[in-house]
Amino acid sequence: MTESADRQDVLIGDVGTVYFVPTYDDDLEPVNFDPSDAAVKQLIFKMPGAAGLLTRDAVAAQKTIDEESVWGLQYTVLAADVVAGGFHQAAGPVRIEAHLEFSSSQKWTSSPVSVDQQGRDVRVIRRLS
């Protein structure tokens, strides 16, 4: 779910962290679907220390997980996200949901995600210096 120099932890103040949430729906065949056609593509974050939810426009992307190409939504944290507050301000767990809206009025929201593709908790940690 996160890519930052191949580590699972995100440091307080980090910029450039890539968050990825796969788009899986057990009612579809195949289960993993391409979200590119959605009119609204968002990732909704609950960051430690943030007063509320943080919603960001995301992009559809493919990533290789366990040698399989997987579709999902991706967002890269910008310096403005950190400076303006909310992202990577305090230590603790991160929770994310993907949200899609299609022109047909259909909506889809993922289950809350708090682990990466290797099953490790995603969290913000304090810097040593």
N, C-alpha and C. Protein backbone atom coordinates (compact mmCIF):
# COMPACT_ATOMS: atom_id res chain seq x y z
N MET A 1 0.81 -1.18 0.00
CA MET A 1 0.00 0.00 0.00
C MET A 1 0.86 1.25 0.00
N THR A 2 1.98 1.23 0.65
CA THR A 2 2.85 2.40 0.58
C THR A 2 4.16 2.01 -0.05
N GLU A 3 4.76 2.97 -0.75
CA GLU A 3 6.09 2.79 -1.29
C GLU A 3 6.90 3.99 -0.84
N SER A 4 7.91 3.77 -0.09
CA SER A 4 8.80 4.85 0.31
C SER A 4 10.14 4.21 0.64
N ALA A 5 10.98 4.15 -0.37
CA ALA A 5 12.29 3.51 -0.22
C ALA A 5 12.15 2.08 0.30
N ASP A 6 11.10 1.38 -0.18
CA ASP A 6 10.85 -0.02 0.17
C ASP A 6 10.69 -0.26 1.66
N ARG A 7 10.19 0.71 2.37
CA ARG A 7 9.92 0.48 3.79
C ARG A 7 8.42 0.64 4.02
N GLN A 8 7.92 0.02 5.09
CA GLN A 8 6.51 0.11 5.38
C GLN A 8 6.18 1.34 6.21
N ASP A 9 7.13 1.79 7.02
CA ASP A 9 6.88 2.92 7.89
C ASP A 9 7.08 4.23 7.14
N VAL A 10 6.31 5.21 7.52
CA VAL A 10 6.42 6.56 6.98
C VAL A 10 6.90 7.42 8.14
N LEU A 11 7.88 8.27 7.89
CA LEU A 11 8.41 9.14 8.94
C LEU A 11 7.61 10.43 9.02
N ILE A 12 7.51 11.00 10.23
CA ILE A 12 6.86 12.29 10.40
C ILE A 12 7.51 13.28 9.43
N GLY A 13 6.67 13.99 8.68
CA GLY A 13 7.15 14.99 7.73
C GLY A 13 7.49 14.45 6.36
N ASP A 14 7.37 13.15 6.13
CA ASP A 14 7.72 12.58 4.83
C ASP A 14 6.88 13.17 3.70
N VAL A 15 7.53 13.42 2.58
CA VAL A 15 6.90 13.87 1.34
C VAL A 15 7.25 12.84 0.27
N GLY A 16 6.35 12.61 -0.67
CA GLY A 16 6.63 11.68 -1.76
C GLY A 16 6.19 10.26 -1.50
N THR A 17 5.62 9.98 -0.35
CA THR A 17 5.11 8.64 -0.05
C THR A 17 3.99 8.32 -1.02
N VAL A 18 4.03 7.13 -1.61
CA VAL A 18 3.01 6.68 -2.55
C VAL A 18 2.08 5.71 -1.83
N TYR A 19 0.80 6.07 -1.76
CA TYR A 19 -0.22 5.18 -1.18
C TYR A 19 -0.97 4.52 -2.32
N PHE A 20 -1.19 3.22 -2.21
CA PHE A 20 -1.88 2.44 -3.24
C PHE A 20 -2.90 1.54 -2.57
N VAL A 21 -4.16 1.61 -3.02
CA VAL A 21 -5.22 0.75 -2.50
C VAL A 21 -5.80 -0.04 -3.67
N PRO A 22 -5.67 -1.38 -3.66
CA PRO A 22 -6.22 -2.19 -4.74
C PRO A 22 -7.74 -2.07 -4.82
N THR A 23 -8.26 -2.19 -6.04
CA THR A 23 -9.71 -2.18 -6.24
C THR A 23 -10.18 -3.62 -6.43
N TYR A 24 -10.68 -4.17 -5.36
CA TYR A 24 -11.22 -5.53 -5.37
C TYR A 24 -12.71 -5.48 -5.09
N ASP A 25 -13.46 -6.30 -5.81
CA ASP A 25 -14.89 -6.43 -5.56
C ASP A 25 -15.26 -7.90 -5.77
N ASP A 26 -15.64 -8.58 -4.70
CA ASP A 26 -15.92 -10.01 -4.76
C ASP A 26 -17.14 -10.35 -5.62
N ASP A 27 -17.95 -9.35 -6.00
CA ASP A 27 -19.12 -9.59 -6.83
C ASP A 27 -18.80 -9.56 -8.32
N LEU A 28 -17.58 -9.23 -8.68
CA LEU A 28 -17.19 -9.11 -10.09
C LEU A 28 -16.30 -10.27 -10.51
N GLU A 29 -16.24 -10.49 -11.80
CA GLU A 29 -15.32 -11.47 -12.37
C GLU A 29 -14.57 -10.80 -13.50
N PRO A 30 -13.29 -10.55 -13.48
CA PRO A 30 -12.40 -10.88 -12.37
C PRO A 30 -12.62 -9.96 -11.17
N VAL A 31 -12.16 -10.39 -10.03
CA VAL A 31 -12.39 -9.68 -8.77
C VAL A 31 -11.71 -8.31 -8.75
N ASN A 32 -10.50 -8.21 -9.28
CA ASN A 32 -9.78 -6.94 -9.32
C ASN A 32 -10.19 -6.20 -10.60
N PHE A 33 -10.68 -4.97 -10.47
CA PHE A 33 -11.18 -4.26 -11.65
C PHE A 33 -10.44 -2.95 -11.89
N ASP A 34 -10.48 -2.52 -13.14
CA ASP A 34 -9.84 -1.29 -13.60
C ASP A 34 -10.72 -0.10 -13.24
N PRO A 35 -10.26 0.82 -12.38
CA PRO A 35 -11.07 1.96 -11.97
C PRO A 35 -10.94 3.18 -12.89
N SER A 36 -10.27 3.03 -14.02
CA SER A 36 -9.97 4.17 -14.90
C SER A 36 -11.20 4.93 -15.36
N ASP A 37 -12.32 4.24 -15.59
CA ASP A 37 -13.52 4.89 -16.12
C ASP A 37 -14.32 5.67 -15.08
N ALA A 38 -13.96 5.59 -13.83
CA ALA A 38 -14.69 6.31 -12.78
C ALA A 38 -14.50 7.82 -12.96
N ALA A 39 -15.59 8.58 -12.78
CA ALA A 39 -15.54 10.03 -12.87
C ALA A 39 -14.88 10.62 -11.62
N VAL A 40 -15.08 9.97 -10.49
CA VAL A 40 -14.47 10.40 -9.22
C VAL A 40 -13.60 9.26 -8.72
N LYS A 41 -12.34 9.58 -8.47
CA LYS A 41 -11.38 8.61 -7.93
C LYS A 41 -10.73 9.28 -6.72
N GLN A 42 -11.01 8.76 -5.53
CA GLN A 42 -10.49 9.40 -4.32
C GLN A 42 -9.93 8.37 -3.35
N LEU A 43 -8.93 8.82 -2.61
CA LEU A 43 -8.48 8.08 -1.44
C LEU A 43 -8.81 8.94 -0.23
N ILE A 44 -9.40 8.31 0.78
CA ILE A 44 -9.81 9.00 2.00
C ILE A 44 -8.92 8.48 3.12
N PHE A 45 -8.21 9.39 3.77
CA PHE A 45 -7.21 9.04 4.77
C PHE A 45 -7.66 9.42 6.17
N LYS A 46 -7.33 8.59 7.14
CA LYS A 46 -7.40 8.92 8.56
C LYS A 46 -5.97 8.85 9.04
N MET A 47 -5.35 10.03 9.19
CA MET A 47 -3.96 10.13 9.59
C MET A 47 -3.87 10.35 11.10
N PRO A 48 -2.86 9.80 11.75
CA PRO A 48 -2.70 10.05 13.18
C PRO A 48 -2.49 11.55 13.43
N GLY A 49 -3.19 12.05 14.41
CA GLY A 49 -3.07 13.46 14.77
C GLY A 49 -3.96 14.40 13.98
N ALA A 50 -4.53 13.94 12.86
CA ALA A 50 -5.40 14.80 12.05
C ALA A 50 -6.78 14.88 12.70
N ALA A 51 -7.38 16.07 12.66
CA ALA A 51 -8.68 16.29 13.30
C ALA A 51 -9.80 15.54 12.59
N GLY A 52 -9.70 15.35 11.30
CA GLY A 52 -10.76 14.68 10.55
C GLY A 52 -10.18 13.85 9.43
N LEU A 53 -11.03 13.52 8.48
CA LEU A 53 -10.60 12.74 7.32
C LEU A 53 -9.97 13.66 6.28
N LEU A 54 -9.01 13.14 5.56
CA LEU A 54 -8.34 13.88 4.48
C LEU A 54 -8.67 13.18 3.17
N THR A 55 -9.30 13.88 2.25
CA THR A 55 -9.70 13.31 0.96
C THR A 55 -8.84 13.89 -0.14
N ARG A 56 -8.28 13.02 -0.97
CA ARG A 56 -7.43 13.45 -2.08
C ARG A 56 -7.87 12.75 -3.36
N ASP A 57 -7.81 13.49 -4.48
CA ASP A 57 -8.06 12.88 -5.78
C ASP A 57 -6.91 11.93 -6.09
N ALA A 58 -7.26 10.75 -6.56
CA ALA A 58 -6.27 9.72 -6.84
C ALA A 58 -6.26 9.41 -8.33
N VAL A 59 -5.30 8.61 -8.74
CA VAL A 59 -5.22 8.16 -10.13
C VAL A 59 -5.32 6.64 -10.16
N ALA A 60 -5.90 6.13 -11.26
CA ALA A 60 -5.93 4.69 -11.47
C ALA A 60 -4.52 4.24 -11.85
N ALA A 61 -4.08 3.14 -11.28
CA ALA A 61 -2.74 2.65 -11.55
C ALA A 61 -2.70 1.13 -11.43
N GLN A 62 -1.73 0.53 -12.09
CA GLN A 62 -1.48 -0.89 -11.93
C GLN A 62 -0.14 -1.08 -11.23
N LYS A 63 -0.10 -2.11 -10.40
CA LYS A 63 1.10 -2.42 -9.63
C LYS A 63 1.23 -3.94 -9.61
N THR A 64 2.45 -4.44 -9.61
CA THR A 64 2.66 -5.88 -9.52
C THR A 64 2.77 -6.28 -8.06
N ILE A 65 1.87 -7.16 -7.65
CA ILE A 65 1.84 -7.68 -6.28
C ILE A 65 1.85 -9.20 -6.38
N ASP A 66 2.83 -9.83 -5.76
CA ASP A 66 2.97 -11.29 -5.81
C ASP A 66 2.92 -11.80 -7.25
N GLU A 67 3.67 -11.10 -8.13
CA GLU A 67 3.81 -11.47 -9.54
C GLU A 67 2.50 -11.37 -10.32
N GLU A 68 1.53 -10.62 -9.83
CA GLU A 68 0.26 -10.42 -10.52
C GLU A 68 0.02 -8.92 -10.67
N SER A 69 -0.44 -8.51 -11.85
CA SER A 69 -0.75 -7.11 -12.10
C SER A 69 -2.09 -6.78 -11.45
N VAL A 70 -2.09 -5.78 -10.56
CA VAL A 70 -3.28 -5.44 -9.77
C VAL A 70 -3.65 -3.98 -10.03
N TRP A 71 -4.94 -3.73 -10.26
CA TRP A 71 -5.44 -2.36 -10.42
C TRP A 71 -5.74 -1.77 -9.05
N GLY A 72 -5.64 -0.45 -8.98
CA GLY A 72 -5.99 0.23 -7.74
C GLY A 72 -5.96 1.73 -7.92
N LEU A 73 -6.11 2.43 -6.81
CA LEU A 73 -6.01 3.89 -6.79
C LEU A 73 -4.71 4.26 -6.09
N GLN A 74 -4.06 5.30 -6.59
CA GLN A 74 -2.76 5.69 -6.08
C GLN A 74 -2.75 7.20 -5.83
N TYR A 75 -2.08 7.59 -4.74
CA TYR A 75 -1.87 9.00 -4.43
C TYR A 75 -0.46 9.18 -3.89
N THR A 76 0.22 10.22 -4.38
CA THR A 76 1.55 10.56 -3.90
C THR A 76 1.46 11.81 -3.04
N VAL A 77 1.94 11.73 -1.81
CA VAL A 77 1.88 12.85 -0.86
C VAL A 77 2.78 13.98 -1.33
N LEU A 78 2.21 15.18 -1.41
CA LEU A 78 2.92 16.38 -1.85
C LEU A 78 3.43 17.16 -0.64
N ALA A 79 4.39 18.04 -0.88
CA ALA A 79 4.89 18.90 0.19
C ALA A 79 3.76 19.73 0.79
N ALA A 80 2.84 20.19 -0.05
CA ALA A 80 1.71 21.00 0.43
C ALA A 80 0.82 20.21 1.38
N ASP A 81 0.71 18.90 1.19
CA ASP A 81 -0.10 18.06 2.10
C ASP A 81 0.49 18.05 3.50
N VAL A 82 1.81 18.06 3.56
CA VAL A 82 2.50 18.01 4.85
C VAL A 82 2.54 19.41 5.48
N VAL A 83 2.88 20.42 4.69
CA VAL A 83 2.97 21.79 5.19
C VAL A 83 1.61 22.29 5.68
N ALA A 84 0.56 21.98 4.93
CA ALA A 84 -0.79 22.45 5.28
C ALA A 84 -1.37 21.70 6.48
N GLY A 85 -0.70 20.66 6.89
CA GLY A 85 -1.16 19.89 8.05
C GLY A 85 -1.97 18.68 7.63
N GLY A 86 -2.07 17.75 8.55
CA GLY A 86 -2.86 16.56 8.29
C GLY A 86 -2.03 15.34 7.94
N PHE A 87 -1.17 15.43 6.91
CA PHE A 87 -0.38 14.29 6.49
C PHE A 87 0.93 14.22 7.26
N HIS A 88 1.18 13.06 7.84
CA HIS A 88 2.47 12.73 8.45
C HIS A 88 2.90 13.73 9.53
N GLN A 89 1.93 14.18 10.34
CA GLN A 89 2.21 15.15 11.40
C GLN A 89 2.48 14.51 12.76
N ALA A 90 1.95 13.32 12.97
CA ALA A 90 2.10 12.66 14.27
C ALA A 90 2.29 11.16 14.06
N ALA A 91 2.86 10.50 15.04
CA ALA A 91 3.08 9.05 14.97
C ALA A 91 1.78 8.31 15.24
N GLY A 92 1.61 7.18 14.56
CA GLY A 92 0.45 6.33 14.78
C GLY A 92 0.00 5.63 13.51
N PRO A 93 -1.06 4.84 13.60
CA PRO A 93 -1.53 4.06 12.45
C PRO A 93 -2.24 4.92 11.41
N VAL A 94 -2.18 4.46 10.16
CA VAL A 94 -2.84 5.11 9.02
C VAL A 94 -3.95 4.18 8.54
N ARG A 95 -5.13 4.77 8.24
CA ARG A 95 -6.24 4.01 7.64
C ARG A 95 -6.66 4.73 6.37
N ILE A 96 -6.99 3.93 5.34
CA ILE A 96 -7.33 4.50 4.03
C ILE A 96 -8.52 3.75 3.44
N GLU A 97 -9.37 4.49 2.74
CA GLU A 97 -10.45 3.89 1.94
C GLU A 97 -10.34 4.45 0.53
N ALA A 98 -10.61 3.61 -0.46
CA ALA A 98 -10.72 4.06 -1.85
C ALA A 98 -12.19 4.30 -2.14
N HIS A 99 -12.49 5.35 -2.91
CA HIS A 99 -13.87 5.68 -3.24
C HIS A 99 -13.95 6.02 -4.73
N LEU A 100 -14.92 5.41 -5.41
CA LEU A 100 -15.16 5.64 -6.83
C LEU A 100 -16.61 6.02 -7.08
N GLU A 101 -16.83 6.91 -8.04
CA GLU A 101 -18.17 7.23 -8.52
C GLU A 101 -18.11 7.21 -10.04
N PHE A 102 -19.06 6.50 -10.65
CA PHE A 102 -19.11 6.37 -12.10
C PHE A 102 -20.22 7.26 -12.67
N SER A 103 -20.14 7.57 -13.96
CA SER A 103 -21.15 8.43 -14.60
C SER A 103 -22.54 7.79 -14.57
N SER A 104 -22.61 6.48 -14.39
CA SER A 104 -23.89 5.76 -14.29
C SER A 104 -24.53 5.91 -12.91
N SER A 105 -23.94 6.72 -12.04
CA SER A 105 -24.37 6.93 -10.65
C SER A 105 -23.99 5.79 -9.71
N GLN A 106 -23.30 4.78 -10.21
CA GLN A 106 -22.81 3.71 -9.35
C GLN A 106 -21.66 4.25 -8.51
N LYS A 107 -21.59 3.75 -7.28
CA LYS A 107 -20.51 4.12 -6.37
C LYS A 107 -19.90 2.85 -5.81
N TRP A 108 -18.62 2.94 -5.48
CA TRP A 108 -17.90 1.82 -4.88
C TRP A 108 -16.94 2.37 -3.85
N THR A 109 -16.88 1.74 -2.68
CA THR A 109 -15.93 2.11 -1.64
C THR A 109 -15.27 0.84 -1.12
N SER A 110 -13.98 0.89 -0.95
CA SER A 110 -13.25 -0.27 -0.44
C SER A 110 -13.50 -0.43 1.05
N SER A 111 -13.10 -1.55 1.56
CA SER A 111 -13.03 -1.72 3.01
C SER A 111 -11.88 -0.86 3.51
N PRO A 112 -11.91 -0.44 4.77
CA PRO A 112 -10.77 0.32 5.31
C PRO A 112 -9.49 -0.52 5.24
N VAL A 113 -8.41 0.12 4.81
CA VAL A 113 -7.13 -0.55 4.65
C VAL A 113 -6.16 0.03 5.67
N SER A 114 -5.48 -0.84 6.41
CA SER A 114 -4.49 -0.37 7.38
C SER A 114 -3.20 -1.20 7.34
N VAL A 115 -3.10 -2.08 6.33
CA VAL A 115 -1.89 -2.89 6.15
C VAL A 115 -1.45 -2.80 4.70
N ASP A 116 -0.15 -3.01 4.45
CA ASP A 116 0.34 -3.00 3.07
C ASP A 116 0.12 -4.38 2.45
N GLN A 117 0.60 -4.55 1.21
CA GLN A 117 0.36 -5.81 0.49
C GLN A 117 1.10 -7.00 1.11
N GLN A 118 2.05 -6.74 2.01
CA GLN A 118 2.73 -7.82 2.71
C GLN A 118 2.12 -8.09 4.09
N GLY A 119 1.01 -7.41 4.39
CA GLY A 119 0.33 -7.63 5.66
C GLY A 119 0.91 -6.86 6.83
N ARG A 120 1.82 -5.90 6.56
CA ARG A 120 2.44 -5.11 7.62
C ARG A 120 1.60 -3.87 7.90
N ASP A 121 1.47 -3.50 9.17
CA ASP A 121 0.74 -2.28 9.53
C ASP A 121 1.39 -1.07 8.88
N VAL A 122 0.56 -0.17 8.35
CA VAL A 122 1.06 1.09 7.81
C VAL A 122 0.92 2.12 8.92
N ARG A 123 2.02 2.81 9.22
CA ARG A 123 2.01 3.75 10.33
C ARG A 123 3.03 4.86 10.08
N VAL A 124 2.81 5.95 10.76
CA VAL A 124 3.76 7.05 10.75
C VAL A 124 4.58 6.91 12.02
N ILE A 125 5.90 7.04 11.90
CA ILE A 125 6.77 6.91 13.07
C ILE A 125 7.62 8.17 13.22
N ARG A 126 8.13 8.36 14.42
CA ARG A 126 8.99 9.50 14.72
C ARG A 126 10.37 9.32 14.09
N ARG A 127 10.96 10.43 13.72
CA ARG A 127 12.34 10.42 13.23
C ARG A 127 13.29 10.29 14.42
N LEU A 128 14.44 9.69 14.22
CA LEU A 128 15.43 9.56 15.29
C LEU A 128 16.14 10.86 15.54
N SER A 129 16.23 11.72 14.55
CA SER A 129 16.93 12.99 14.75
C SER A 129 16.03 14.16 14.43
